[in-house]
């Protein structure tokens, strides 16, 4: 967490369950979406494949692990195996001529 939640007092359940409880979160989300729309035109393909794509893959893996371990409080020892199955499916789809973007989506299907 890059900021502290000091001074944010929720007076109802609706304000506590809001999607963006802190105004900074809304502006950070807008900035990230703007960067995501501009990145393919500004960054080189080497930067996207070397930095951005692995960051997105590991971020999605960590968010899924946080959902299982952090919020649900369950230990899931097969999580690495499920990630491996997705990676295996994605690599073989790419080798058989499927575009990379579609292969990444196909690799995520065993988690569903």
PDB file of N, CA and C in Angstrom:
ATOM      1  N   UNK A   1       0.848  -1.171   0.000  1.00  0.00           N
ATOM      2  CA  UNK A   1       0.000   0.000   0.000  1.00  0.00           C
ATOM      3  C   UNK A   1       0.892   1.232   0.000  1.00  0.00           C
ATOM      4  N   UNK A   2       0.673   2.125  -0.937  1.00  0.00           N
ATOM      5  CA  UNK A   2       1.508   3.299  -1.082  1.00  0.00           C
ATOM      6  C   UNK A   2       0.983   4.498  -0.312  1.00  0.00           C
ATOM      7  N   UNK A   3      -0.147   4.395   0.294  1.00  0.00           N
ATOM      8  CA  UNK A   3      -0.747   5.519   0.992  1.00  0.00           C
ATOM      9  C   UNK A   3      -1.428   4.998   2.249  1.00  0.00           C
ATOM     10  N   UNK A   4      -1.704   5.888   3.156  1.00  0.00           N
ATOM     11  CA  UNK A   4      -2.360   5.503   4.399  1.00  0.00           C
ATOM     12  C   UNK A   4      -3.820   5.900   4.348  1.00  0.00           C
ATOM     13  N   UNK A   5      -4.653   5.161   5.020  1.00  0.00           N
ATOM     14  CA  UNK A   5      -6.083   5.432   5.016  1.00  0.00           C
ATOM     15  C   UNK A   5      -6.479   6.291   6.200  1.00  0.00           C
ATOM     16  N   UNK A   6      -5.623   7.147   6.657  1.00  0.00           N
ATOM     17  CA  UNK A   6      -5.940   8.011   7.786  1.00  0.00           C
ATOM     18  C   UNK A   6      -6.947   9.074   7.363  1.00  0.00           C
ATOM     19  N   UNK A   7      -7.916   9.311   8.197  1.00  0.00           N
ATOM     20  CA  UNK A   7      -8.893  10.359   7.934  1.00  0.00           C
ATOM     21  C   UNK A   7     -10.048   9.936   7.058  1.00  0.00           C
ATOM     22  N   UNK A   8     -10.150   8.683   6.672  1.00  0.00           N
ATOM     23  CA  UNK A   8     -11.276   8.197   5.882  1.00  0.00           C
ATOM     24  C   UNK A   8     -12.236   7.517   6.856  1.00  0.00           C
ATOM     25  N   UNK A   9     -13.356   8.146   7.110  1.00  0.00           N
ATOM     26  CA  UNK A   9     -14.337   7.609   8.045  1.00  0.00           C
ATOM     27  C   UNK A   9     -15.589   7.224   7.273  1.00  0.00           C
ATOM     28  N   UNK A  10     -15.936   5.978   7.306  1.00  0.00           N
ATOM     29  CA  UNK A  10     -17.118   5.497   6.610  1.00  0.00           C
ATOM     30  C   UNK A  10     -18.280   5.506   7.595  1.00  0.00           C
ATOM     31  N   UNK A  11     -19.346   6.137   7.180  1.00  0.00           N
ATOM     32  CA  UNK A  11     -20.490   6.260   8.079  1.00  0.00           C
ATOM     33  C   UNK A  11     -21.615   5.309   7.716  1.00  0.00           C
ATOM     34  N   UNK A  12     -21.471   4.571   6.631  1.00  0.00           N
ATOM     35  CA  UNK A  12     -22.492   3.604   6.251  1.00  0.00           C
ATOM     36  C   UNK A  12     -21.814   2.418   5.575  1.00  0.00           C
ATOM     37  N   UNK A  13     -22.550   1.330   5.484  1.00  0.00           N
ATOM     38  CA  UNK A  13     -22.015   0.158   4.809  1.00  0.00           C
ATOM     39  C   UNK A  13     -21.815   0.416   3.317  1.00  0.00           C
ATOM     40  N   UNK A  14     -22.672   1.225   2.735  1.00  0.00           N
ATOM     41  CA  UNK A  14     -22.561   1.519   1.303  1.00  0.00           C
ATOM     42  C   UNK A  14     -21.245   2.238   0.993  1.00  0.00           C
ATOM     43  N   UNK A  15     -20.858   3.191   1.841  1.00  0.00           N
ATOM     44  CA  UNK A  15     -19.598   3.892   1.585  1.00  0.00           C
ATOM     45  C   UNK A  15     -18.399   2.998   1.865  1.00  0.00           C
ATOM     46  N   UNK A  16     -18.544   2.053   2.768  1.00  0.00           N
ATOM     47  CA  UNK A  16     -17.444   1.140   3.064  1.00  0.00           C
ATOM     48  C   UNK A  16     -17.268   0.107   1.963  1.00  0.00           C
ATOM     49  N   UNK A  17     -18.344  -0.262   1.285  1.00  0.00           N
ATOM     50  CA  UNK A  17     -18.289  -1.268   0.237  1.00  0.00           C
ATOM     51  C   UNK A  17     -18.139  -0.655  -1.149  1.00  0.00           C
ATOM     52  N   UNK A  18     -17.886   0.625  -1.238  1.00  0.00           N
ATOM     53  CA  UNK A  18     -17.740   1.292  -2.533  1.00  0.00           C
ATOM     54  C   UNK A  18     -16.524   0.743  -3.272  1.00  0.00           C
ATOM     55  N   UNK A  19     -16.573   0.815  -4.586  1.00  0.00           N
ATOM     56  CA  UNK A  19     -15.474   0.304  -5.400  1.00  0.00           C
ATOM     57  C   UNK A  19     -14.196   1.093  -5.159  1.00  0.00           C
ATOM     58  N   UNK A  20     -14.295   2.394  -5.141  1.00  0.00           N
ATOM     59  CA  UNK A  20     -13.151   3.259  -4.856  1.00  0.00           C
ATOM     60  C   UNK A  20     -13.446   3.990  -3.561  1.00  0.00           C
ATOM     61  N   UNK A  21     -12.912   3.485  -2.457  1.00  0.00           N
ATOM     62  CA  UNK A  21     -13.182   4.111  -1.154  1.00  0.00           C
ATOM     63  C   UNK A  21     -12.347   5.355  -0.932  1.00  0.00           C
ATOM     64  N   UNK A  22     -11.248   5.488  -1.640  1.00  0.00           N
ATOM     65  CA  UNK A  22     -10.366   6.647  -1.527  1.00  0.00           C
ATOM     66  C   UNK A  22     -10.282   7.296  -2.901  1.00  0.00           C
ATOM     67  N   UNK A  23     -10.417   8.623  -2.996  1.00  0.00           N
ATOM     68  CA  UNK A  23     -10.377   9.279  -4.312  1.00  0.00           C
ATOM     69  C   UNK A  23      -9.090   9.001  -5.088  1.00  0.00           C
ATOM     70  N   UNK A  24      -7.963   8.813  -4.384  1.00  0.00           N
ATOM     71  CA  UNK A  24      -6.702   8.516  -5.065  1.00  0.00           C
ATOM     72  C   UNK A  24      -6.797   7.237  -5.879  1.00  0.00           C
ATOM     73  N   UNK A  25      -7.555   6.258  -5.393  1.00  0.00           N
ATOM     74  CA  UNK A  25      -7.690   4.988  -6.112  1.00  0.00           C
ATOM     75  C   UNK A  25      -8.338   5.179  -7.474  1.00  0.00           C
ATOM     76  N   UNK A  26      -9.340   6.030  -7.544  1.00  0.00           N
ATOM     77  CA  UNK A  26     -10.013   6.282  -8.814  1.00  0.00           C
ATOM     78  C   UNK A  26      -9.058   6.924  -9.811  1.00  0.00           C
ATOM     79  N   UNK A  27      -8.271   7.901  -9.360  1.00  0.00           N
ATOM     80  CA  UNK A  27      -7.355   8.580 -10.275  1.00  0.00           C
ATOM     81  C   UNK A  27      -6.193   7.681 -10.662  1.00  0.00           C
ATOM     82  N   UNK A  28      -5.759   6.817  -9.763  1.00  0.00           N
ATOM     83  CA  UNK A  28      -4.704   5.869 -10.107  1.00  0.00           C
ATOM     84  C   UNK A  28      -5.200   4.878 -11.155  1.00  0.00           C
ATOM     85  N   UNK A  29      -6.443   4.438 -11.045  1.00  0.00           N
ATOM     86  CA  UNK A  29      -7.012   3.515 -12.026  1.00  0.00           C
ATOM     87  C   UNK A  29      -7.143   4.193 -13.388  1.00  0.00           C
ATOM     88  N   UNK A  30      -7.559   5.442 -13.403  1.00  0.00           N
ATOM     89  CA  UNK A  30      -7.668   6.178 -14.665  1.00  0.00           C
ATOM     90  C   UNK A  30      -6.283   6.333 -15.302  1.00  0.00           C
ATOM     91  N   UNK A  31      -5.266   6.628 -14.485  1.00  0.00           N
ATOM     92  CA  UNK A  31      -3.901   6.779 -15.015  1.00  0.00           C
ATOM     93  C   UNK A  31      -3.377   5.458 -15.565  1.00  0.00           C
ATOM     94  N   UNK A  32      -3.637   4.345 -14.884  1.00  0.00           N
ATOM     95  CA  UNK A  32      -3.188   3.044 -15.377  1.00  0.00           C
ATOM     96  C   UNK A  32      -3.889   2.654 -16.669  1.00  0.00           C
ATOM     97  N   UNK A  33      -5.178   2.927 -16.768  1.00  0.00           N
ATOM     98  CA  UNK A  33      -5.898   2.621 -18.010  1.00  0.00           C
ATOM     99  C   UNK A  33      -5.414   3.491 -19.164  1.00  0.00           C
ATOM    100  N   UNK A  34      -5.120   4.756 -18.871  1.00  0.00           N
ATOM    101  CA  UNK A  34      -4.583   5.633 -19.916  1.00  0.00           C
ATOM    102  C   UNK A  34      -3.213   5.141 -20.388  1.00  0.00           C
ATOM    103  N   UNK A  35      -2.370   4.704 -19.446  1.00  0.00           N
ATOM    104  CA  UNK A  35      -1.065   4.156 -19.825  1.00  0.00           C
ATOM    105  C   UNK A  35      -1.223   2.881 -20.641  1.00  0.00           C
ATOM    106  N   UNK A  36      -2.200   2.037 -20.270  1.00  0.00           N
ATOM    107  CA  UNK A  36      -2.413   0.795 -21.005  1.00  0.00           C
ATOM    108  C   UNK A  36      -2.866   1.068 -22.437  1.00  0.00           C
ATOM    109  N   UNK A  37      -3.628   2.123 -22.648  1.00  0.00           N
ATOM    110  CA  UNK A  37      -4.067   2.453 -24.000  1.00  0.00           C
ATOM    111  C   UNK A  37      -2.950   3.075 -24.835  1.00  0.00           C
ATOM    112  N   UNK A  38      -2.039   3.810 -24.196  1.00  0.00           N
ATOM    113  CA  UNK A  38      -0.986   4.511 -24.915  1.00  0.00           C
ATOM    114  C   UNK A  38       0.264   3.640 -25.079  1.00  0.00           C
ATOM    115  N   UNK A  39       0.474   2.665 -24.205  1.00  0.00           N
ATOM    116  CA  UNK A  39       1.712   1.877 -24.179  1.00  0.00           C
ATOM    117  C   UNK A  39       2.062   1.216 -25.514  1.00  0.00           C
ATOM    118  N   UNK A  40       1.129   0.591 -26.236  1.00  0.00           N
ATOM    119  CA  UNK A  40       1.533  -0.035 -27.502  1.00  0.00           C
ATOM    120  C   UNK A  40       2.069   0.951 -28.536  1.00  0.00           C
ATOM    121  N   UNK A  41       1.669   2.206 -28.441  1.00  0.00           N
ATOM    122  CA  UNK A  41       2.127   3.199 -29.408  1.00  0.00           C
ATOM    123  C   UNK A  41       3.414   3.881 -28.970  1.00  0.00           C
ATOM    124  N   UNK A  42       3.690   3.900 -27.661  1.00  0.00           N
ATOM    125  CA  UNK A  42       4.849   4.617 -27.133  1.00  0.00           C
ATOM    126  C   UNK A  42       6.034   3.687 -26.900  1.00  0.00           C
ATOM    127  N   UNK A  43       5.787   2.495 -26.358  1.00  0.00           N
ATOM    128  CA  UNK A  43       6.862   1.565 -26.030  1.00  0.00           C
ATOM    129  C   UNK A  43       7.218   0.705 -27.233  1.00  0.00           C
ATOM    130  N   UNK A  44       8.452   0.278 -27.263  1.00  0.00           N
ATOM    131  CA  UNK A  44       8.883  -0.610 -28.340  1.00  0.00           C
ATOM    132  C   UNK A  44       8.367  -2.025 -28.074  1.00  0.00           C
ATOM    133  N   UNK A  45       8.359  -2.849 -29.093  1.00  0.00           N
ATOM    134  CA  UNK A  45       7.891  -4.218 -28.911  1.00  0.00           C
ATOM    135  C   UNK A  45       8.817  -4.999 -27.988  1.00  0.00           C
ATOM    136  N   UNK A  46      10.104  -4.650 -27.970  1.00  0.00           N
ATOM    137  CA  UNK A  46      11.043  -5.297 -27.054  1.00  0.00           C
ATOM    138  C   UNK A  46      10.696  -4.974 -25.607  1.00  0.00           C
ATOM    139  N   UNK A  47      10.351  -3.728 -25.327  1.00  0.00           N
ATOM    140  CA  UNK A  47       9.978  -3.347 -23.963  1.00  0.00           C
ATOM    141  C   UNK A  47       8.686  -4.021 -23.541  1.00  0.00           C
ATOM    142  N   UNK A  48       7.745  -4.143 -24.463  1.00  0.00           N
ATOM    143  CA  UNK A  48       6.480  -4.773 -24.119  1.00  0.00           C
ATOM    144  C   UNK A  48       6.675  -6.252 -23.834  1.00  0.00           C
ATOM    145  N   UNK A  49       7.435  -6.945 -24.678  1.00  0.00           N
ATOM    146  CA  UNK A  49       7.623  -8.379 -24.459  1.00  0.00           C
ATOM    147  C   UNK A  49       8.587  -8.669 -23.323  1.00  0.00           C
ATOM    148  N   UNK A  50       9.512  -7.761 -23.025  1.00  0.00           N
ATOM    149  CA  UNK A  50      10.496  -8.022 -21.975  1.00  0.00           C
ATOM    150  C   UNK A  50      10.037  -7.581 -20.599  1.00  0.00           C
ATOM    151  N   UNK A  51       9.278  -6.494 -20.530  1.00  0.00           N
ATOM    152  CA  UNK A  51       8.925  -5.930 -19.237  1.00  0.00           C
ATOM    153  C   UNK A  51       7.431  -5.982 -18.945  1.00  0.00           C
ATOM    154  N   UNK A  52       6.623  -5.525 -19.865  1.00  0.00           N
ATOM    155  CA  UNK A  52       5.201  -5.360 -19.590  1.00  0.00           C
ATOM    156  C   UNK A  52       4.484  -6.700 -19.539  1.00  0.00           C
ATOM    157  N   UNK A  53       4.689  -7.570 -20.521  1.00  0.00           N
ATOM    158  CA  UNK A  53       3.971  -8.844 -20.549  1.00  0.00           C
ATOM    159  C   UNK A  53       4.296  -9.740 -19.353  1.00  0.00           C
ATOM    160  N   UNK A  54       5.594  -9.937 -18.980  1.00  0.00           N
ATOM    161  CA  UNK A  54       5.843 -10.736 -17.770  1.00  0.00           C
ATOM    162  C   UNK A  54       5.261 -10.104 -16.509  1.00  0.00           C
ATOM    163  N   UNK A  55       5.278  -8.768 -16.444  1.00  0.00           N
ATOM    164  CA  UNK A  55       4.692  -8.095 -15.292  1.00  0.00           C
ATOM    165  C   UNK A  55       3.193  -8.378 -15.196  1.00  0.00           C
ATOM    166  N   UNK A  56       2.509  -8.353 -16.324  1.00  0.00           N
ATOM    167  CA  UNK A  56       1.075  -8.642 -16.326  1.00  0.00           C
ATOM    168  C   UNK A  56       0.797 -10.101 -15.944  1.00  0.00           C
ATOM    169  N   UNK A  57       1.607 -11.019 -16.426  1.00  0.00           N
ATOM    170  CA  UNK A  57       1.399 -12.432 -16.109  1.00  0.00           C
ATOM    171  C   UNK A  57       1.622 -12.686 -14.629  1.00  0.00           C
ATOM    172  N   UNK A  58       2.712 -12.178 -14.067  1.00  0.00           N
ATOM    173  CA  UNK A  58       2.974 -12.403 -12.644  1.00  0.00           C
ATOM    174  C   UNK A  58       1.986 -11.648 -11.768  1.00  0.00           C
ATOM    175  N   UNK A  59       1.517 -10.487 -12.217  1.00  0.00           N
ATOM    176  CA  UNK A  59       0.515  -9.761 -11.449  1.00  0.00           C
ATOM    177  C   UNK A  59      -0.783 -10.545 -11.378  1.00  0.00           C
ATOM    178  N   UNK A  60      -1.216 -11.134 -12.480  1.00  0.00           N
ATOM    179  CA  UNK A  60      -2.445 -11.926 -12.450  1.00  0.00           C
ATOM    180  C   UNK A  60      -2.273 -13.164 -11.579  1.00  0.00           C
ATOM    181  N   UNK A  61      -1.086 -13.770 -11.601  1.00  0.00           N
ATOM    182  CA  UNK A  61      -0.847 -14.931 -10.738  1.00  0.00           C
ATOM    183  C   UNK A  61      -0.879 -14.544  -9.268  1.00  0.00           C
ATOM    184  N   UNK A  62      -0.274 -13.427  -8.931  1.00  0.00           N
ATOM    185  CA  UNK A  62      -0.239 -12.997  -7.531  1.00  0.00           C
ATOM    186  C   UNK A  62      -1.621 -12.576  -7.062  1.00  0.00           C
ATOM    187  N   UNK A  63      -2.404 -11.923  -7.911  1.00  0.00           N
ATOM    188  CA  UNK A  63      -3.757 -11.540  -7.514  1.00  0.00           C
ATOM    189  C   UNK A  63      -4.629 -12.765  -7.269  1.00  0.00           C
ATOM    190  N   UNK A  64      -4.473 -13.792  -8.096  1.00  0.00           N
ATOM    191  CA  UNK A  64      -5.215 -15.028  -7.859  1.00  0.00           C
ATOM    192  C   UNK A  64      -4.800 -15.710  -6.571  1.00  0.00           C
ATOM    193  N   UNK A  65      -3.510 -15.714  -6.292  1.00  0.00           N
ATOM    194  CA  UNK A  65      -3.023 -16.304  -5.045  1.00  0.00           C
ATOM    195  C   UNK A  65      -3.480 -15.491  -3.845  1.00  0.00           C
ATOM    196  N   UNK A  66      -3.518 -14.169  -3.976  1.00  0.00           N
ATOM    197  CA  UNK A  66      -4.017 -13.327  -2.897  1.00  0.00           C
ATOM    198  C   UNK A  66      -5.502 -13.581  -2.647  1.00  0.00           C
ATOM    199  N   UNK A  67      -6.250 -13.817  -3.692  1.00  0.00           N
ATOM    200  CA  UNK A  67      -7.668 -14.120  -3.530  1.00  0.00           C
ATOM    201  C   UNK A  67      -7.866 -15.406  -2.750  1.00  0.00           C
ATOM    202  N   UNK A  68      -7.073 -16.427  -3.069  1.00  0.00           N
ATOM    203  CA  UNK A  68      -7.243 -17.720  -2.412  1.00  0.00           C
ATOM    204  C   UNK A  68      -6.687 -17.702  -0.991  1.00  0.00           C
ATOM    205  N   UNK A  69      -5.456 -17.257  -0.824  1.00  0.00           N
ATOM    206  CA  UNK A  69      -4.828 -17.303   0.501  1.00  0.00           C
ATOM    207  C   UNK A  69      -5.227 -16.128   1.384  1.00  0.00           C
ATOM    208  N   UNK A  70      -5.294 -14.950   0.808  1.00  0.00           N
ATOM    209  CA  UNK A  70      -5.536 -13.754   1.607  1.00  0.00           C
ATOM    210  C   UNK A  70      -6.987 -13.554   1.990  1.00  0.00           C
ATOM    211  N   UNK A  71      -7.873 -13.578   1.021  1.00  0.00           N
ATOM    212  CA  UNK A  71      -9.267 -13.272   1.297  1.00  0.00           C
ATOM    213  C   UNK A  71     -10.040 -14.492   1.758  1.00  0.00           C
ATOM    214  N   UNK A  72      -9.827 -15.619   1.096  1.00  0.00           N
ATOM    215  CA  UNK A  72     -10.576 -16.821   1.457  1.00  0.00           C
ATOM    216  C   UNK A  72      -9.926 -17.562   2.614  1.00  0.00           C
ATOM    217  N   UNK A  73      -8.631 -17.373   2.827  1.00  0.00           N
ATOM    218  CA  UNK A  73      -7.945 -18.026   3.921  1.00  0.00           C
ATOM    219  C   UNK A  73      -7.737 -19.517   3.704  1.00  0.00           C
ATOM    220  N   UNK A  74      -7.712 -19.956   2.469  1.00  0.00           N
ATOM    221  CA  UNK A  74      -7.551 -21.372   2.171  1.00  0.00           C
ATOM    222  C   UNK A  74      -6.155 -21.612   1.605  1.00  0.00           C
ATOM    223  N   UNK A  75      -5.571 -22.731   1.994  1.00  0.00           N
ATOM    224  CA  UNK A  75      -4.297 -23.130   1.411  1.00  0.00           C
ATOM    225  C   UNK A  75      -4.575 -23.968   0.175  1.00  0.00           C
ATOM    226  N   UNK A  76      -3.972 -23.589  -0.913  1.00  0.00           N
ATOM    227  CA  UNK A  76      -4.177 -24.299  -2.165  1.00  0.00           C
ATOM    228  C   UNK A  76      -2.808 -24.696  -2.685  1.00  0.00           C
ATOM    229  N   UNK A  77      -2.394 -25.902  -2.362  1.00  0.00           N
ATOM    230  CA  UNK A  77      -1.056 -26.342  -2.720  1.00  0.00           C
ATOM    231  C   UNK A  77      -0.917 -26.653  -4.208  1.00  0.00           C
ATOM    232  N   UNK A  78      -2.013 -26.787  -4.911  1.00  0.00           N
ATOM    233  CA  UNK A  78      -1.946 -27.076  -6.330  1.00  0.00           C
ATOM    234  C   UNK A  78      -1.940 -25.840  -7.207  1.00  0.00           C
ATOM    235  N   UNK A  79      -1.810 -24.665  -6.598  1.00  0.00           N
ATOM    236  CA  UNK A  79      -1.863 -23.427  -7.374  1.00  0.00           C
ATOM    237  C   UNK A  79      -0.720 -23.354  -8.384  1.00  0.00           C
ATOM    238  N   UNK A  80       0.475 -23.777  -7.988  1.00  0.00           N
ATOM    239  CA  UNK A  80       1.608 -23.767  -8.917  1.00  0.00           C
ATOM    240  C   UNK A  80       1.377 -24.755 -10.054  1.00  0.00           C
ATOM    241  N   UNK A  81       0.752 -25.886  -9.765  1.00  0.00           N
ATOM    242  CA  UNK A  81       0.459 -26.861 -10.816  1.00  0.00           C
ATOM    243  C   UNK A  81      -0.563 -26.296 -11.808  1.00  0.00           C
ATOM    244  N   UNK A  82      -1.541 -25.579 -11.301  1.00  0.00           N
ATOM    245  CA  UNK A  82      -2.550 -24.981 -12.184  1.00  0.00           C
ATOM    246  C   UNK A  82      -1.907 -23.910 -13.068  1.00  0.00           C
ATOM    247  N   UNK A  83      -0.994 -23.113 -12.494  1.00  0.00           N
ATOM    248  CA  UNK A  83      -0.269 -22.135 -13.305  1.00  0.00           C
ATOM    249  C   UNK A  83       0.586 -22.840 -14.353  1.00  0.00           C
ATOM    250  N   UNK A  84       1.194 -23.961 -13.980  1.00  0.00           N
ATOM    251  CA  UNK A  84       2.010 -24.719 -14.930  1.00  0.00           C
ATOM    252  C   UNK A  84       1.195 -25.288 -16.075  1.00  0.00           C
ATOM    253  N   UNK A  85      -0.006 -25.759 -15.785  1.00  0.00           N
ATOM    254  CA  UNK A  85      -0.886 -26.279 -16.841  1.00  0.00           C
ATOM    255  C   UNK A  85      -1.265 -25.161 -17.801  1.00  0.00           C
ATOM    256  N   UNK A  86      -1.553 -23.981 -17.252  1.00  0.00           N
ATOM    257  CA  UNK A  86      -1.871 -22.838 -18.104  1.00  0.00           C
ATOM    258  C   UNK A  86      -0.699 -22.426 -18.978  1.00  0.00           C
ATOM    259  N   UNK A  87       0.508 -22.429 -18.394  1.00  0.00           N
ATOM    260  CA  UNK A  87       1.701 -22.085 -19.174  1.00  0.00           C
ATOM    261  C   UNK A  87       1.961 -23.125 -20.254  1.00  0.00           C
ATOM    262  N   UNK A  88       1.790 -24.390 -19.920  1.00  0.00           N
ATOM    263  CA  UNK A  88       1.983 -25.478 -20.882  1.00  0.00           C
ATOM    264  C   UNK A  88       1.014 -25.335 -22.057  1.00  0.00           C
ATOM    265  N   UNK A  89      -0.261 -25.070 -21.740  1.00  0.00           N
ATOM    266  CA  UNK A  89      -1.261 -24.904 -22.800  1.00  0.00           C
ATOM    267  C   UNK A  89      -0.955 -23.685 -23.661  1.00  0.00           C
ATOM    268  N   UNK A  90      -0.505 -22.618 -23.034  1.00  0.00           N
ATOM    269  CA  UNK A  90      -0.201 -21.396 -23.772  1.00  0.00           C
ATOM    270  C   UNK A  90       0.991 -21.579 -24.713  1.00  0.00           C
ATOM    271  N   UNK A  91       2.031 -22.257 -24.235  1.00  0.00           N
ATOM    272  CA  UNK A  91       3.222 -22.476 -25.070  1.00  0.00           C
ATOM    273  C   UNK A  91       2.898 -23.364 -26.260  1.00  0.00           C
ATOM    274  N   UNK A  92       2.151 -24.431 -26.031  1.00  0.00           N
ATOM    275  CA  UNK A  92       1.841 -25.328 -27.145  1.00  0.00           C
ATOM    276  C   UNK A  92       0.855 -24.709 -28.126  1.00  0.00           C
ATOM    277  N   UNK A  93      -0.026 -23.856 -27.640  1.00  0.00           N
ATOM    278  CA  UNK A  93      -0.910 -23.153 -28.568  1.00  0.00           C
ATOM    279  C   UNK A  93      -0.105 -22.196 -29.443  1.00  0.00           C
ATOM    280  N   UNK A  94       0.883 -21.512 -28.841  1.00  0.00           N
ATOM    281  CA  UNK A  94       1.726 -20.598 -29.616  1.00  0.00           C
ATOM    282  C   UNK A  94       2.565 -21.352 -30.636  1.00  0.00           C
ATOM    283  N   UNK A  95       3.098 -22.498 -30.259  1.00  0.00           N
ATOM    284  CA  UNK A  95       3.898 -23.295 -31.195  1.00  0.00           C
ATOM    285  C   UNK A  95       3.075 -23.832 -32.358  1.00  0.00           C
ATOM    286  N   UNK A  96       1.790 -24.005 -32.163  1.00  0.00           N
ATOM    287  CA  UNK A  96       0.927 -24.523 -33.228  1.00  0.00           C
ATOM    288  C   UNK A  96       0.277 -23.415 -34.046  1.00  0.00           C
ATOM    289  N   UNK A  97       0.781 -22.199 -33.921  1.00  0.00           N
ATOM    290  CA  UNK A  97       0.329 -21.131 -34.801  1.00  0.00           C
ATOM    291  C   UNK A  97      -0.751 -20.224 -34.259  1.00  0.00           C
ATOM    292  N   UNK A  98      -1.167 -20.405 -33.022  1.00  0.00           N
ATOM    293  CA  UNK A  98      -2.167 -19.517 -32.433  1.00  0.00           C
ATOM    294  C   UNK A  98      -1.462 -18.214 -32.040  1.00  0.00           C
ATOM    295  N   UNK A  99      -2.054 -17.042 -32.310  1.00  0.00           N
ATOM    296  CA  UNK A  99      -1.418 -15.780 -31.898  1.00  0.00           C
ATOM    297  C   UNK A  99      -1.209 -15.729 -30.381  1.00  0.00           C
ATOM    298  N   UNK A 100      -0.180 -15.004 -29.965  1.00  0.00           N
ATOM    299  CA  UNK A 100       0.209 -14.994 -28.553  1.00  0.00           C
ATOM    300  C   UNK A 100      -0.890 -14.500 -27.636  1.00  0.00           C
ATOM    301  N   UNK A 101      -1.609 -13.462 -28.051  1.00  0.00           N
ATOM    302  CA  UNK A 101      -2.655 -12.904 -27.196  1.00  0.00           C
ATOM    303  C   UNK A 101      -3.761 -13.925 -26.944  1.00  0.00           C
ATOM    304  N   UNK A 102      -4.127 -14.661 -27.976  1.00  0.00           N
ATOM    305  CA  UNK A 102      -5.163 -15.692 -27.810  1.00  0.00           C
ATOM    306  C   UNK A 102      -4.614 -16.864 -27.022  1.00  0.00           C
ATOM    307  N   UNK A 103      -3.332 -17.181 -27.195  1.00  0.00           N
ATOM    308  CA  UNK A 103      -2.718 -18.278 -26.446  1.00  0.00           C
ATOM    309  C   UNK A 103      -2.680 -17.995 -24.952  1.00  0.00           C
ATOM    310  N   UNK A 104      -2.466 -16.732 -24.587  1.00  0.00           N
ATOM    311  CA  UNK A 104      -2.472 -16.369 -23.171  1.00  0.00           C
ATOM    312  C   UNK A 104      -3.870 -16.572 -22.586  1.00  0.00           C
ATOM    313  N   UNK A 105      -4.886 -16.216 -23.344  1.00  0.00           N
ATOM    314  CA  UNK A 105      -6.261 -16.421 -22.872  1.00  0.00           C
ATOM    315  C   UNK A 105      -6.564 -17.919 -22.790  1.00  0.00           C
ATOM    316  N   UNK A 106      -6.110 -18.690 -23.744  1.00  0.00           N
ATOM    317  CA  UNK A 106      -6.306 -20.133 -23.684  1.00  0.00           C
ATOM    318  C   UNK A 106      -5.567 -20.776 -22.509  1.00  0.00           C
ATOM    319  N   UNK A 107      -4.417 -20.223 -22.159  1.00  0.00           N
ATOM    320  CA  UNK A 107      -3.663 -20.719 -21.017  1.00  0.00           C
ATOM    321  C   UNK A 107      -4.362 -20.447 -19.699  1.00  0.00           C
ATOM    322  N   UNK A 108      -5.207 -19.444 -19.660  1.00  0.00           N
ATOM    323  CA  UNK A 108      -5.931 -19.136 -18.428  1.00  0.00           C
ATOM    324  C   UNK A 108      -7.187 -19.957 -18.245  1.00  0.00           C
ATOM    325  N   UNK A 109      -7.588 -20.720 -19.260  1.00  0.00           N
ATOM    326  CA  UNK A 109      -8.830 -21.481 -19.155  1.00  0.00           C
ATOM    327  C   UNK A 109      -8.809 -22.629 -18.140  1.00  0.00           C
ATOM    328  N   UNK A 110      -7.649 -23.289 -17.846  1.00  0.00           N
ATOM    329  CA  UNK A 110      -7.705 -24.349 -16.838  1.00  0.00           C
ATOM    330  C   UNK A 110      -8.004 -23.841 -15.442  1.00  0.00           C
ATOM    331  N   UNK A 111      -7.780 -22.542 -15.177  1.00  0.00           N
ATOM    332  CA  UNK A 111      -8.080 -22.011 -13.858  1.00  0.00           C
ATOM    333  C   UNK A 111      -9.558 -21.850 -13.632  1.00  0.00           C
ATOM    334  N   UNK A 112     -10.345 -21.740 -14.687  1.00  0.00           N
ATOM    335  CA  UNK A 112     -11.771 -21.473 -14.514  1.00  0.00           C
ATOM    336  C   UNK A 112     -12.518 -22.670 -13.974  1.00  0.00           C
TER     337      UNK A 112
END
